[in-house]
């Protein structure tokens, strides 16, 4: 298994993002209940204020499997974020994601 990071920025004002964010959270919770190692959160500025984007860390067999899963993310399906996914090779430490 390998790790992947998806970063995203909102394409819509926050108030229009709320329904997509709620569905995204439900999607991540379902995946976690099914045993997936995945964690999602939002990015903040230096004052702790949400910065209009987020980060998703997930484990998958390979890049194609990770991409296939990420393309099911309700925020991507709704076309409400610009996003990028990259593989991530942890070298030191343990996040305990999952």
N, C-alpha and C. Protein backbone atom coordinates (compact mmCIF):
# COMPACT_ATOMS: atom_id res chain seq x y z
N UNK A 1 0.84 -1.18 0.00
CA UNK A 1 0.00 0.00 0.00
C UNK A 1 0.89 1.25 0.00
N UNK A 2 0.35 2.31 -0.56
CA UNK A 2 1.08 3.57 -0.66
C UNK A 2 0.20 4.71 -0.15
N UNK A 3 0.85 5.81 0.21
CA UNK A 3 0.15 6.99 0.69
C UNK A 3 0.02 8.03 -0.41
N UNK A 4 -1.08 8.79 -0.35
CA UNK A 4 -1.36 9.85 -1.32
C UNK A 4 -1.94 11.05 -0.60
N UNK A 5 -1.66 12.22 -1.16
CA UNK A 5 -2.13 13.48 -0.62
C UNK A 5 -2.93 14.18 -1.71
N UNK A 6 -4.15 14.59 -1.38
CA UNK A 6 -4.94 15.43 -2.30
C UNK A 6 -5.07 16.80 -1.66
N UNK A 7 -4.66 17.84 -2.37
CA UNK A 7 -4.87 19.21 -1.92
C UNK A 7 -5.94 19.83 -2.81
N UNK A 8 -6.67 20.78 -2.22
CA UNK A 8 -7.75 21.39 -2.99
C UNK A 8 -7.97 22.83 -2.55
N UNK A 9 -8.49 23.63 -3.47
CA UNK A 9 -8.93 25.00 -3.16
C UNK A 9 -10.36 25.14 -3.65
N UNK A 10 -11.15 25.88 -2.89
CA UNK A 10 -12.55 26.07 -3.23
C UNK A 10 -12.70 26.92 -4.48
N UNK A 11 -13.66 26.53 -5.31
CA UNK A 11 -13.99 27.30 -6.50
C UNK A 11 -15.24 28.16 -6.28
N UNK A 12 -15.90 27.92 -5.16
CA UNK A 12 -17.15 28.61 -4.84
C UNK A 12 -17.01 29.34 -3.51
N UNK A 13 -17.85 30.35 -3.28
CA UNK A 13 -17.84 30.99 -1.96
C UNK A 13 -18.22 29.96 -0.89
N UNK A 14 -17.75 30.19 0.34
CA UNK A 14 -17.92 29.22 1.42
C UNK A 14 -19.37 28.81 1.60
N UNK A 15 -20.31 29.76 1.58
CA UNK A 15 -21.71 29.41 1.82
C UNK A 15 -22.24 28.43 0.77
N UNK A 16 -21.71 28.49 -0.44
CA UNK A 16 -22.11 27.55 -1.49
C UNK A 16 -21.38 26.21 -1.35
N UNK A 17 -20.28 26.21 -0.59
CA UNK A 17 -19.50 24.98 -0.38
C UNK A 17 -20.11 24.08 0.69
N UNK A 18 -20.90 24.65 1.60
CA UNK A 18 -21.39 23.91 2.77
C UNK A 18 -22.03 22.57 2.41
N UNK A 19 -22.97 22.49 1.47
CA UNK A 19 -23.56 21.17 1.17
C UNK A 19 -22.53 20.18 0.63
N UNK A 20 -21.58 20.65 -0.15
CA UNK A 20 -20.55 19.77 -0.70
C UNK A 20 -19.60 19.29 0.41
N UNK A 21 -19.28 20.18 1.34
CA UNK A 21 -18.44 19.81 2.47
C UNK A 21 -19.13 18.77 3.36
N UNK A 22 -20.41 18.94 3.59
CA UNK A 22 -21.15 17.99 4.41
C UNK A 22 -21.17 16.61 3.76
N UNK A 23 -21.40 16.57 2.45
CA UNK A 23 -21.41 15.28 1.75
C UNK A 23 -20.01 14.68 1.72
N UNK A 24 -19.00 15.51 1.56
CA UNK A 24 -17.61 15.05 1.59
C UNK A 24 -17.31 14.37 2.93
N UNK A 25 -17.72 15.01 4.03
CA UNK A 25 -17.47 14.43 5.36
C UNK A 25 -18.17 13.08 5.51
N UNK A 26 -19.41 12.99 5.04
CA UNK A 26 -20.13 11.71 5.11
C UNK A 26 -19.41 10.64 4.29
N UNK A 27 -18.89 11.03 3.12
CA UNK A 27 -18.17 10.11 2.25
C UNK A 27 -16.92 9.58 2.96
N UNK A 28 -16.14 10.49 3.57
CA UNK A 28 -14.93 10.07 4.29
C UNK A 28 -15.30 9.17 5.46
N UNK A 29 -16.33 9.52 6.21
CA UNK A 29 -16.76 8.69 7.34
C UNK A 29 -17.16 7.29 6.89
N UNK A 30 -17.86 7.19 5.76
CA UNK A 30 -18.24 5.86 5.23
C UNK A 30 -16.99 5.05 4.89
N UNK A 31 -16.03 5.69 4.24
CA UNK A 31 -14.79 4.99 3.88
C UNK A 31 -14.06 4.51 5.12
N UNK A 32 -14.01 5.33 6.15
CA UNK A 32 -13.34 4.95 7.39
C UNK A 32 -14.06 3.78 8.05
N UNK A 33 -15.38 3.80 8.07
CA UNK A 33 -16.13 2.68 8.64
C UNK A 33 -15.87 1.38 7.87
N UNK A 34 -15.59 1.53 6.57
CA UNK A 34 -15.30 0.36 5.73
C UNK A 34 -13.85 -0.10 5.86
N UNK A 35 -13.08 0.56 6.74
CA UNK A 35 -11.71 0.13 7.00
C UNK A 35 -10.64 0.86 6.23
N UNK A 36 -10.99 1.88 5.46
CA UNK A 36 -10.00 2.66 4.71
C UNK A 36 -9.19 3.53 5.66
N UNK A 37 -7.93 3.69 5.34
CA UNK A 37 -7.07 4.63 6.08
C UNK A 37 -7.10 5.94 5.30
N UNK A 38 -7.85 6.89 5.84
CA UNK A 38 -8.07 8.17 5.16
C UNK A 38 -8.37 9.23 6.22
N UNK A 39 -7.89 10.42 5.99
CA UNK A 39 -8.15 11.52 6.90
C UNK A 39 -8.30 12.80 6.08
N UNK A 40 -9.24 13.64 6.48
CA UNK A 40 -9.53 14.86 5.75
C UNK A 40 -9.61 16.04 6.70
N UNK A 41 -9.20 17.20 6.24
CA UNK A 41 -9.30 18.41 7.06
C UNK A 41 -9.15 19.65 6.20
N UNK A 42 -9.37 20.79 6.83
CA UNK A 42 -9.27 22.04 6.09
C UNK A 42 -7.98 22.78 6.46
N UNK A 43 -7.56 23.62 5.56
CA UNK A 43 -6.34 24.41 5.74
C UNK A 43 -6.71 25.74 6.40
N UNK A 44 -5.82 26.25 7.25
CA UNK A 44 -6.06 27.52 7.94
C UNK A 44 -4.87 28.45 7.72
N UNK A 45 -5.15 29.75 7.92
CA UNK A 45 -4.08 30.73 7.80
C UNK A 45 -3.35 30.87 9.14
N UNK A 46 -2.45 31.83 9.25
CA UNK A 46 -1.65 32.02 10.45
C UNK A 46 -2.45 32.40 11.69
N UNK A 47 -3.70 32.75 11.51
CA UNK A 47 -4.56 33.13 12.62
C UNK A 47 -5.60 32.04 12.92
N UNK A 48 -5.44 30.87 12.28
CA UNK A 48 -6.37 29.77 12.53
C UNK A 48 -7.67 29.86 11.77
N UNK A 49 -7.77 30.80 10.82
CA UNK A 49 -9.00 30.95 10.03
C UNK A 49 -8.94 30.03 8.82
N UNK A 50 -10.06 29.38 8.50
CA UNK A 50 -10.08 28.53 7.29
C UNK A 50 -9.61 29.32 6.08
N UNK A 51 -8.80 28.65 5.26
CA UNK A 51 -8.19 29.33 4.13
C UNK A 51 -8.76 28.99 2.77
N UNK A 52 -9.95 28.38 2.73
CA UNK A 52 -10.59 28.13 1.44
C UNK A 52 -10.12 26.88 0.73
N UNK A 53 -9.62 25.91 1.49
CA UNK A 53 -9.19 24.67 0.86
C UNK A 53 -8.97 23.59 1.89
N UNK A 54 -8.51 22.45 1.41
CA UNK A 54 -8.34 21.33 2.32
C UNK A 54 -7.26 20.37 1.87
N UNK A 55 -7.10 19.34 2.69
CA UNK A 55 -6.09 18.32 2.49
C UNK A 55 -6.71 16.96 2.82
N UNK A 56 -6.45 15.99 1.99
CA UNK A 56 -6.93 14.62 2.21
C UNK A 56 -5.71 13.71 2.14
N UNK A 57 -5.54 12.87 3.14
CA UNK A 57 -4.46 11.88 3.17
C UNK A 57 -5.11 10.52 3.09
N UNK A 58 -4.66 9.69 2.16
CA UNK A 58 -5.27 8.37 2.02
C UNK A 58 -4.25 7.32 1.64
N UNK A 59 -4.58 6.09 1.95
CA UNK A 59 -3.75 4.95 1.59
C UNK A 59 -4.47 4.17 0.50
N UNK A 60 -3.72 3.75 -0.51
CA UNK A 60 -4.30 2.99 -1.61
C UNK A 60 -3.23 2.07 -2.20
N UNK A 61 -3.67 1.12 -2.96
CA UNK A 61 -2.77 0.14 -3.57
C UNK A 61 -1.74 0.81 -4.47
N UNK A 62 -2.20 1.76 -5.29
CA UNK A 62 -1.31 2.45 -6.23
C UNK A 62 -1.96 3.77 -6.64
N UNK A 63 -1.26 4.51 -7.49
CA UNK A 63 -1.75 5.83 -7.92
C UNK A 63 -3.11 5.73 -8.60
N UNK A 64 -3.28 4.76 -9.45
CA UNK A 64 -4.55 4.63 -10.16
C UNK A 64 -5.70 4.33 -9.20
N UNK A 65 -5.47 3.48 -8.22
CA UNK A 65 -6.51 3.17 -7.23
C UNK A 65 -6.84 4.41 -6.40
N UNK A 66 -5.83 5.18 -6.04
CA UNK A 66 -6.06 6.40 -5.27
C UNK A 66 -6.84 7.40 -6.11
N UNK A 67 -6.45 7.57 -7.36
CA UNK A 67 -7.16 8.51 -8.25
C UNK A 67 -8.60 8.08 -8.45
N UNK A 68 -8.82 6.81 -8.65
CA UNK A 68 -10.18 6.30 -8.83
C UNK A 68 -11.05 6.62 -7.62
N UNK A 69 -10.49 6.45 -6.43
CA UNK A 69 -11.23 6.76 -5.21
C UNK A 69 -11.48 8.26 -5.09
N UNK A 70 -10.45 9.06 -5.29
CA UNK A 70 -10.57 10.51 -5.15
C UNK A 70 -11.59 11.08 -6.13
N UNK A 71 -11.70 10.50 -7.30
CA UNK A 71 -12.68 11.00 -8.28
C UNK A 71 -14.12 10.78 -7.81
N UNK A 72 -14.30 10.00 -6.75
CA UNK A 72 -15.63 9.80 -6.17
C UNK A 72 -15.94 10.83 -5.08
N UNK A 73 -14.97 11.62 -4.69
CA UNK A 73 -15.15 12.64 -3.65
C UNK A 73 -16.26 13.60 -4.10
N UNK A 74 -17.29 13.79 -3.28
CA UNK A 74 -18.39 14.68 -3.67
C UNK A 74 -17.95 16.10 -4.04
N UNK A 75 -16.85 16.59 -3.48
CA UNK A 75 -16.40 17.92 -3.86
C UNK A 75 -15.82 17.94 -5.26
N UNK A 76 -15.25 16.83 -5.69
CA UNK A 76 -14.75 16.73 -7.07
C UNK A 76 -15.91 16.47 -8.01
N UNK A 77 -16.80 15.58 -7.63
CA UNK A 77 -17.98 15.27 -8.46
C UNK A 77 -18.78 16.54 -8.73
N UNK A 78 -18.90 17.40 -7.72
CA UNK A 78 -19.67 18.65 -7.86
C UNK A 78 -18.89 19.75 -8.58
N UNK A 79 -17.62 19.49 -8.89
CA UNK A 79 -16.75 20.46 -9.57
C UNK A 79 -16.62 21.76 -8.76
N UNK A 80 -16.62 21.62 -7.42
CA UNK A 80 -16.56 22.80 -6.57
C UNK A 80 -15.15 23.09 -6.04
N UNK A 81 -14.16 22.28 -6.44
CA UNK A 81 -12.77 22.51 -6.02
C UNK A 81 -11.82 22.33 -7.19
N UNK A 82 -10.71 23.04 -7.13
CA UNK A 82 -9.56 22.73 -7.97
C UNK A 82 -8.69 21.84 -7.10
N UNK A 83 -8.13 20.78 -7.67
CA UNK A 83 -7.43 19.82 -6.84
C UNK A 83 -6.21 19.24 -7.55
N UNK A 84 -5.36 18.65 -6.73
CA UNK A 84 -4.17 17.97 -7.22
C UNK A 84 -3.90 16.80 -6.27
N UNK A 85 -3.48 15.68 -6.81
CA UNK A 85 -3.13 14.53 -5.99
C UNK A 85 -1.71 14.11 -6.31
N UNK A 86 -0.97 13.77 -5.26
CA UNK A 86 0.40 13.30 -5.42
C UNK A 86 0.62 12.12 -4.49
N UNK A 87 1.54 11.26 -4.88
CA UNK A 87 1.98 10.22 -3.98
C UNK A 87 2.81 10.84 -2.87
N UNK A 88 2.83 10.19 -1.73
CA UNK A 88 3.60 10.69 -0.60
C UNK A 88 4.37 9.52 0.01
N UNK A 89 5.67 9.71 0.21
CA UNK A 89 6.51 8.68 0.76
C UNK A 89 6.96 9.14 2.16
N UNK A 90 6.30 8.64 3.22
CA UNK A 90 6.73 9.04 4.56
C UNK A 90 8.12 8.48 4.86
N UNK A 91 8.96 9.29 5.45
CA UNK A 91 10.33 8.88 5.75
C UNK A 91 10.55 8.79 7.26
N UNK A 92 10.06 9.76 8.01
CA UNK A 92 10.29 9.78 9.45
C UNK A 92 8.95 10.12 10.12
N UNK A 93 8.62 9.43 11.18
CA UNK A 93 7.44 9.72 11.97
C UNK A 93 6.28 8.79 11.65
N UNK A 94 5.20 8.97 12.41
CA UNK A 94 4.03 8.15 12.25
C UNK A 94 2.80 9.02 12.51
N UNK A 95 2.00 9.23 11.49
CA UNK A 95 0.81 10.05 11.64
C UNK A 95 -0.34 9.29 12.30
N UNK A 96 -0.33 7.98 12.22
CA UNK A 96 -1.43 7.21 12.77
C UNK A 96 -2.72 7.48 12.02
N UNK A 97 -2.64 7.79 10.73
CA UNK A 97 -3.83 8.09 9.94
C UNK A 97 -4.66 6.83 9.80
N UNK A 98 -5.91 6.95 9.99
CA UNK A 98 -6.79 5.80 9.81
C UNK A 98 -7.76 5.74 10.87
